[in-house]
Amino acid sequence: MEEQKIRNMEEFSAVSGISRPTISKYFNDPSSVRRSTRERIEEAIARYGYRPNLFAINQNRKLTRNIGILVPHIVDPFYAEIVRQIETRCIEAGYWAIVLCSHGDTERELSAIEMLYSLRIAGAVIAPLGDSSASDRIHQLAADIPTVIFDNHMNGDEIFVGTDNFQTVGLMVDYLCRSGEPPCFLDMPAVNTNARERREAYVRAMEEQGFQPHVFPVESTRWDFEELGYDAGLRLLSAHGLPTNTVLCANDRIAIGLIAAAFEKGLRVGRGAATALRVAGHDDHPMARFTAPGLTTVAQDYVSIAENSVDTLFGMIENGVRPSNPLRRLEGKLILRASA
């Protein structure tokens, strides 16, 4: 490989003796140039070690291959895994995934949306913050650019892919009622429609089972759910305030905090006569199987959420096809571990 540093496509054109338009055409689509020309370009690439700025190439197209991905918290393992799945599928389809995070803040969400506009994205996959979202701007983005909303439904006419909370929570309530005492419900902060749907699903499922629902709210708008579950657990366990020995938590992160609180209070979590408390969650958080004991939960289908989101988005971008049914709710799967 030559030592000469090639900084841009113009310099590569000069040293290779191949015209700039032909090189640009090759990088947009290698099959669009003659075989002999393609071989010359590839030989020159190998000789000079040239790598083009693909982002700049993309931005110069009339229709970019940029896909914007926006989530509330990239460190949340649920969002991290969905982003990984979506990004992988974008790369396989020849798209450039641009990942942005709102960090639980409305102004940052709004800034991220403006950034997506400036990047001239071909489409977007967005998990809105929820109740504090810049809803009007998200609605406008979805009207201007092919957009799929996932995880948190915004109650508009946008395309949505997410979990059927009534199916998943109903599945867990049925199992807990059949296998032991009926559960009370440790809620999550009312930050989005998932929180409300899961609470409503619990109440409905308990009433269908013929039991009195008991909901313990978590009064906060914070996203540090483990700490909130831990604090709520300490309060309830210290006051002996649970009406049953079974607790269904609105998500796994709340449940992880509750298990830590039970440990601190000297209460054994699990099944059997020697245990004091059964705990179950929702989502199948990547750490759920490593809690002590492992957490019984309902698994969201990460792969299907990602696949349905990107397949729908690519259809809208490439074929102008908007699904006849804008809502796609996916079923979850019961995961039994030692905690319940």
Protein backbone atom coordinates (compact mmCIF):
# COMPACT_ATOMS: atom_id res chain seq x y z
CA MET A 1 0.00 0.00 0.00
CA GLU A 2 1.32 3.47 -0.91
CA GLU A 3 2.30 5.76 2.00
CA GLN A 4 0.62 8.77 0.37
CA LYS A 5 -2.37 9.95 2.46
CA ILE A 6 -5.52 10.40 0.38
CA ARG A 7 -7.85 12.85 2.09
CA ASN A 8 -10.83 13.03 -0.27
CA MET A 9 -12.33 11.72 -3.47
CA GLU A 10 -10.75 14.45 -5.61
CA GLU A 11 -7.25 13.42 -4.51
CA PHE A 12 -8.09 9.76 -5.08
CA SER A 13 -9.29 10.61 -8.58
CA ALA A 14 -6.02 12.44 -9.31
CA VAL A 15 -3.71 9.64 -8.17
CA SER A 16 -5.77 6.82 -9.68
CA GLY A 17 -6.39 8.51 -13.04
CA ILE A 18 -10.10 7.71 -12.84
CA SER A 19 -12.66 10.48 -13.18
CA ARG A 20 -14.36 11.84 -10.06
CA PRO A 21 -17.92 11.14 -11.36
CA THR A 22 -17.00 7.51 -12.12
CA ILE A 23 -15.54 7.02 -8.64
CA SER A 24 -18.61 8.59 -7.06
CA LYS A 25 -20.83 6.33 -9.13
CA TYR A 26 -18.85 3.30 -7.95
CA PHE A 27 -19.21 4.17 -4.27
CA ASN A 28 -22.94 4.75 -4.69
CA ASP A 29 -23.36 1.40 -6.45
CA PRO A 30 -20.34 -0.73 -7.52
CA SER A 31 -22.49 -2.66 -10.01
CA SER A 32 -23.29 0.56 -11.89
CA VAL A 33 -19.82 0.76 -13.48
CA ARG A 34 -18.21 -1.60 -16.01
CA ARG A 35 -16.35 -4.58 -14.63
CA SER A 36 -12.99 -3.39 -15.96
CA THR A 37 -13.51 0.04 -14.37
CA ARG A 38 -14.61 -1.52 -11.09
CA GLU A 39 -11.44 -3.62 -11.03
CA ARG A 40 -9.28 -0.51 -11.65
CA ILE A 41 -10.98 1.34 -8.82
CA GLU A 42 -10.65 -1.58 -6.41
CA GLU A 43 -6.98 -1.98 -7.30
CA ALA A 44 -6.44 1.72 -6.57
CA ILE A 45 -8.33 1.42 -3.27
CA ALA A 46 -6.06 -1.44 -2.22
CA ARG A 47 -2.95 0.42 -3.39
CA TYR A 48 -3.68 3.72 -1.64
CA GLY A 49 -5.78 2.44 1.28
CA TYR A 50 -8.47 4.98 0.44
CA ARG A 51 -11.72 4.97 2.43
CA PRO A 52 -14.36 7.50 1.41
CA ASN A 53 -16.44 9.57 3.83
CA LEU A 54 -19.62 7.56 3.38
CA PHE A 55 -21.60 9.98 5.54
CA ALA A 56 -20.70 12.88 3.24
CA ILE A 57 -21.61 10.77 0.19
CA ASN A 58 -24.93 9.95 1.79
CA GLN A 59 -25.70 13.58 2.60
CA ASN A 60 -25.12 14.58 -1.02
CA ARG A 61 -27.79 12.23 -2.31
CA LYS A 62 -31.28 13.53 -3.05
CA LEU A 63 -32.61 10.72 -0.86
CA THR A 64 -30.14 9.78 1.87
CA ARG A 65 -29.68 6.32 3.30
CA ASN A 66 -29.66 7.75 6.83
CA ILE A 67 -32.05 6.22 9.38
CA GLY A 68 -32.55 8.13 12.61
CA ILE A 69 -33.04 6.18 15.84
CA LEU A 70 -34.14 8.09 18.95
CA VAL A 71 -34.59 6.53 22.41
CA PRO A 72 -35.11 7.97 25.92
CA HIS A 73 -32.18 6.19 27.62
CA ILE A 74 -29.48 4.38 25.67
CA VAL A 75 -28.08 2.82 28.88
CA ASP A 76 -31.40 1.07 29.58
CA PRO A 77 -30.73 -2.53 28.48
CA PHE A 78 -34.13 -2.78 26.79
CA TYR A 79 -33.46 0.21 24.54
CA ALA A 80 -29.83 -0.78 24.05
CA GLU A 81 -30.84 -4.19 22.72
CA ILE A 82 -33.59 -2.80 20.47
CA VAL A 83 -31.11 -0.24 19.06
CA ARG A 84 -28.57 -3.01 18.44
CA GLN A 85 -31.15 -5.07 16.57
CA ILE A 86 -32.38 -2.11 14.50
CA GLU A 87 -28.87 -0.89 13.68
CA THR A 88 -27.84 -4.38 12.52
CA ARG A 89 -30.82 -4.60 10.19
CA CYS A 90 -30.18 -1.11 8.82
CA ILE A 91 -26.60 -2.04 7.96
CA GLU A 92 -27.72 -5.28 6.29
CA ALA A 93 -30.16 -3.28 4.14
CA GLY A 94 -27.55 -0.68 3.15
CA TYR A 95 -28.71 2.11 5.48
CA TRP A 96 -26.63 4.26 7.82
CA ALA A 97 -28.08 4.21 11.36
CA ILE A 98 -27.73 7.41 13.39
CA VAL A 99 -28.53 6.85 17.08
CA LEU A 100 -29.60 9.75 19.31
CA CYS A 101 -30.73 9.78 22.95
CA SER A 102 -32.97 12.26 24.76
CA HIS A 103 -31.65 11.24 28.22
CA GLY A 104 -35.14 11.54 29.70
CA ASP A 105 -35.32 15.25 28.97
CA THR A 106 -37.96 17.00 26.85
CA GLU A 107 -35.63 19.70 25.55
CA ARG A 108 -33.05 17.13 24.52
CA GLU A 109 -35.73 15.12 22.76
CA LEU A 110 -36.77 18.24 20.87
CA SER A 111 -33.14 19.01 19.96
CA ALA A 112 -32.66 15.45 18.75
CA ILE A 113 -35.69 15.74 16.47
CA GLU A 114 -34.30 18.95 15.00
CA MET A 115 -31.00 17.14 14.46
CA LEU A 116 -32.82 14.40 12.55
CA TYR A 117 -34.32 17.03 10.25
CA SER A 118 -30.90 18.56 9.63
CA LEU A 119 -29.43 15.17 8.72
CA ARG A 120 -32.00 14.74 5.95
CA ILE A 121 -32.89 11.27 7.15
CA ALA A 122 -34.80 8.87 4.92
CA GLY A 123 -36.81 7.63 7.90
CA ALA A 124 -36.90 7.37 11.68
CA VAL A 125 -37.56 4.82 14.41
CA ILE A 126 -38.47 6.59 17.64
CA ALA A 127 -39.27 5.59 21.22
CA PRO A 128 -40.78 8.78 22.66
CA LEU A 129 -40.17 9.85 26.25
CA GLY A 130 -43.87 9.54 27.01
CA ASP A 131 -45.99 12.08 28.85
CA SER A 132 -43.19 14.65 28.78
CA SER A 133 -42.47 14.16 25.07
CA ALA A 134 -42.37 16.94 22.49
CA SER A 135 -45.51 15.33 21.07
CA ASP A 136 -46.42 17.98 18.52
CA ARG A 137 -42.95 17.86 17.00
CA ILE A 138 -42.96 14.06 16.85
CA HIS A 139 -46.37 14.13 15.16
CA GLN A 140 -44.99 16.63 12.64
CA LEU A 141 -41.89 14.52 12.01
CA ALA A 142 -44.10 11.50 11.33
CA ALA A 143 -46.14 13.58 8.88
CA ASP A 144 -43.01 14.83 7.07
CA ILE A 145 -40.79 11.74 7.07
CA PRO A 146 -41.49 7.97 7.17
CA THR A 147 -41.50 7.23 10.90
CA VAL A 148 -42.21 4.24 13.10
CA ILE A 149 -42.91 4.70 16.80
CA PHE A 150 -41.97 1.82 19.09
CA ASP A 151 -42.43 0.88 22.76
CA ASN A 152 -44.51 3.91 23.81
CA HIS A 153 -47.74 4.51 21.87
CA MET A 154 -48.59 8.19 21.46
CA ASN A 155 -52.33 7.74 20.83
CA GLY A 156 -52.09 9.34 17.39
CA ASP A 157 -52.30 7.85 13.91
CA GLU A 158 -48.55 7.19 13.70
CA ILE A 159 -47.26 3.72 12.84
CA PHE A 160 -46.60 1.89 16.12
CA VAL A 161 -44.86 -1.38 17.03
CA GLY A 162 -44.83 -2.57 20.62
CA THR A 163 -45.81 -5.17 23.17
CA ASP A 164 -49.43 -6.05 23.97
CA ASN A 165 -49.37 -5.16 27.66
CA PHE A 166 -52.82 -6.58 28.27
CA GLN A 167 -51.74 -9.98 26.94
CA THR A 168 -48.43 -10.04 28.82
CA VAL A 169 -49.70 -8.79 32.19
CA GLY A 170 -52.78 -10.99 31.92
CA LEU A 171 -50.52 -13.98 31.27
CA MET A 172 -48.47 -13.27 34.40
CA VAL A 173 -51.47 -12.61 36.65
CA ASP A 174 -53.05 -15.88 35.55
CA TYR A 175 -49.86 -17.81 36.36
CA LEU A 176 -49.36 -16.17 39.76
CA CYS A 177 -52.97 -16.76 40.78
CA ARG A 178 -52.77 -20.43 39.77
CA SER A 179 -49.44 -21.05 41.50
CA GLY A 180 -49.90 -19.21 44.81
CA GLU A 181 -51.44 -16.17 46.42
CA PRO A 182 -52.85 -13.57 43.99
CA PRO A 183 -50.42 -10.70 43.41
CA CYS A 184 -50.48 -7.08 44.45
CA PHE A 185 -48.94 -4.64 41.95
CA LEU A 186 -45.89 -2.42 42.50
CA ASP A 187 -46.29 0.27 39.88
CA MET A 188 -43.72 2.19 37.88
CA PRO A 189 -43.66 5.98 37.47
CA ALA A 190 -46.42 7.15 35.14
CA VAL A 191 -43.94 8.32 32.52
CA ASN A 192 -45.63 6.80 29.44
CA THR A 193 -48.51 4.72 28.11
CA ASN A 194 -46.75 1.48 29.09
CA ALA A 195 -47.10 2.42 32.76
CA ARG A 196 -50.81 3.13 32.44
CA GLU A 197 -51.53 0.09 30.26
CA ARG A 198 -49.75 -2.32 32.59
CA ARG A 199 -51.60 -0.94 35.62
CA GLU A 200 -54.94 -1.17 33.81
CA ALA A 201 -54.07 -4.67 32.56
CA TYR A 202 -53.29 -5.83 36.11
CA VAL A 203 -56.59 -4.47 37.48
CA ARG A 204 -58.57 -6.04 34.65
CA ALA A 205 -56.85 -9.42 34.97
CA MET A 206 -57.36 -9.55 38.74
CA GLU A 207 -61.05 -8.70 38.41
CA GLU A 208 -61.44 -11.38 35.74
CA GLN A 209 -59.86 -13.85 38.16
CA GLY A 210 -62.32 -12.78 40.85
CA PHE A 211 -59.72 -11.13 43.11
CA GLN A 212 -59.42 -7.64 44.56
CA PRO A 213 -56.59 -5.70 42.88
CA HIS A 214 -54.10 -3.86 45.10
CA VAL A 215 -51.93 -1.22 43.38
CA PHE A 216 -49.01 0.48 45.10
CA PRO A 217 -48.09 3.60 43.11
CA VAL A 218 -44.57 4.97 42.76
CA GLU A 219 -44.83 8.74 42.97
CA SER A 220 -42.02 9.93 40.73
CA THR A 221 -41.18 10.91 37.18
CA ARG A 222 -37.61 9.59 37.42
CA TRP A 223 -36.27 6.76 35.26
CA ASP A 224 -33.91 5.20 37.83
CA PHE A 225 -36.38 2.38 38.39
CA GLU A 226 -34.13 0.08 40.45
CA GLU A 227 -33.73 2.74 43.14
CA LEU A 228 -37.44 3.50 43.09
CA GLY A 229 -38.28 -0.20 43.50
CA TYR A 230 -35.77 -0.51 46.31
CA ASP A 231 -37.11 2.54 48.19
CA ALA A 232 -40.74 1.48 47.74
CA GLY A 233 -39.86 -2.06 48.80
CA LEU A 234 -38.18 -0.91 52.00
CA ARG A 235 -41.20 1.23 52.92
CA LEU A 236 -43.74 -1.52 52.25
CA LEU A 237 -41.75 -4.32 53.87
CA SER A 238 -40.87 -2.23 56.94
CA ALA A 239 -44.53 -1.32 57.45
CA HIS A 240 -45.71 -4.89 56.72
CA GLY A 241 -47.94 -3.20 54.18
CA LEU A 242 -48.30 -5.97 51.60
CA PRO A 243 -51.71 -7.69 51.55
CA THR A 244 -50.23 -10.82 49.93
CA ASN A 245 -46.88 -12.60 49.72
CA THR A 246 -46.80 -12.13 45.93
CA VAL A 247 -45.75 -8.91 44.18
CA LEU A 248 -46.01 -8.29 40.45
CA CYS A 249 -43.81 -5.35 39.46
CA ALA A 250 -44.57 -3.13 36.46
CA ASN A 251 -41.12 -3.84 35.03
CA ASP A 252 -38.05 -5.90 35.83
CA ARG A 253 -36.01 -2.94 36.99
CA ILE A 254 -38.58 -2.17 39.70
CA ALA A 255 -38.50 -5.87 40.63
CA ILE A 256 -34.69 -5.87 40.89
CA GLY A 257 -34.93 -3.02 43.41
CA LEU A 258 -37.63 -4.86 45.38
CA ILE A 259 -35.53 -8.04 45.58
CA ALA A 260 -32.62 -5.98 46.93
CA ALA A 261 -34.93 -4.45 49.57
CA ALA A 262 -36.19 -7.90 50.59
CA PHE A 263 -32.61 -9.10 50.99
CA GLU A 264 -31.80 -6.11 53.21
CA LYS A 265 -34.83 -6.90 55.38
CA GLY A 266 -33.76 -10.52 55.70
CA LEU A 267 -36.69 -11.87 53.66
CA ARG A 268 -36.10 -14.80 51.33
CA VAL A 269 -37.61 -14.42 47.85
CA GLY A 270 -38.76 -17.44 45.89
CA ARG A 271 -41.05 -20.46 45.87
CA GLY A 272 -41.58 -22.94 48.68
CA ALA A 273 -42.32 -23.05 52.39
CA ALA A 274 -39.01 -21.49 53.43
CA THR A 275 -39.61 -18.29 51.43
CA ALA A 276 -41.41 -15.13 52.51
CA LEU A 277 -42.09 -13.38 49.23
CA ARG A 278 -42.70 -14.12 45.56
CA VAL A 279 -41.62 -11.43 43.08
CA ALA A 280 -42.32 -11.24 39.35
CA GLY A 281 -41.55 -8.61 36.72
CA HIS A 282 -42.10 -7.66 33.12
CA ASP A 283 -39.75 -7.29 30.09
CA ASP A 284 -37.07 -9.99 30.61
CA HIS A 285 -34.37 -7.43 31.30
CA PRO A 286 -30.94 -8.87 30.32
CA MET A 287 -29.99 -9.00 34.02
CA ALA A 288 -33.24 -10.71 35.11
CA ARG A 289 -31.78 -14.21 35.04
CA PHE A 290 -28.81 -13.12 37.17
CA THR A 291 -30.76 -11.75 40.16
CA ALA A 292 -30.74 -13.88 43.31
CA PRO A 293 -33.02 -15.69 42.82
CA GLY A 294 -33.54 -15.45 39.07
CA LEU A 295 -36.53 -13.25 38.21
CA THR A 296 -39.77 -14.70 36.86
CA THR A 297 -41.00 -12.33 34.17
CA VAL A 298 -42.70 -11.87 30.82
CA ALA A 299 -40.30 -11.48 27.91
CA GLN A 300 -40.85 -8.79 25.33
CA ASP A 301 -39.88 -10.01 21.87
CA TYR A 302 -36.89 -7.74 21.19
CA VAL A 303 -36.14 -9.27 17.80
CA SER A 304 -39.74 -9.01 16.53
CA ILE A 305 -40.06 -5.41 17.73
CA ALA A 306 -36.91 -4.47 15.80
CA GLU A 307 -37.77 -6.51 12.71
CA ASN A 308 -41.34 -5.21 12.49
CA SER A 309 -40.15 -1.63 13.00
CA VAL A 310 -37.47 -1.66 10.29
CA ASP A 311 -39.43 -3.79 7.80
CA THR A 312 -42.36 -1.41 8.08
CA LEU A 313 -40.07 1.61 7.78
CA PHE A 314 -38.23 0.25 4.72
CA GLY A 315 -41.56 -0.47 3.03
CA MET A 316 -42.65 3.13 3.62
CA ILE A 317 -39.33 4.53 2.34
CA GLU A 318 -38.79 2.34 -0.69
CA ASN A 319 -42.34 1.59 -1.82
CA GLY A 320 -44.35 4.40 -0.29
CA VAL A 321 -46.44 1.75 1.45
CA ARG A 322 -48.13 2.71 4.72
CA PRO A 323 -49.54 -0.29 6.62
CA SER A 324 -53.33 -0.51 6.58
CA ASN A 325 -53.21 -1.28 10.31
CA PRO A 326 -51.00 1.35 11.99
CA LEU A 327 -50.81 -0.55 15.31
CA ARG A 328 -48.76 -3.73 15.66
CA ARG A 329 -48.90 -5.19 19.16
CA LEU A 330 -46.77 -8.26 19.81
CA GLU A 331 -47.34 -11.00 22.36
CA GLY A 332 -44.87 -11.81 25.12
CA LYS A 333 -43.71 -15.10 26.61
CA LEU A 334 -43.83 -16.25 30.23
CA ILE A 335 -40.33 -16.88 31.64
CA LEU A 336 -40.36 -18.95 34.85
CA ARG A 337 -37.44 -18.62 37.26
CA ALA A 338 -36.94 -19.12 40.98
CA SER A 339 -38.35 -15.79 42.25
CA ALA A 340 -41.97 -16.87 41.71
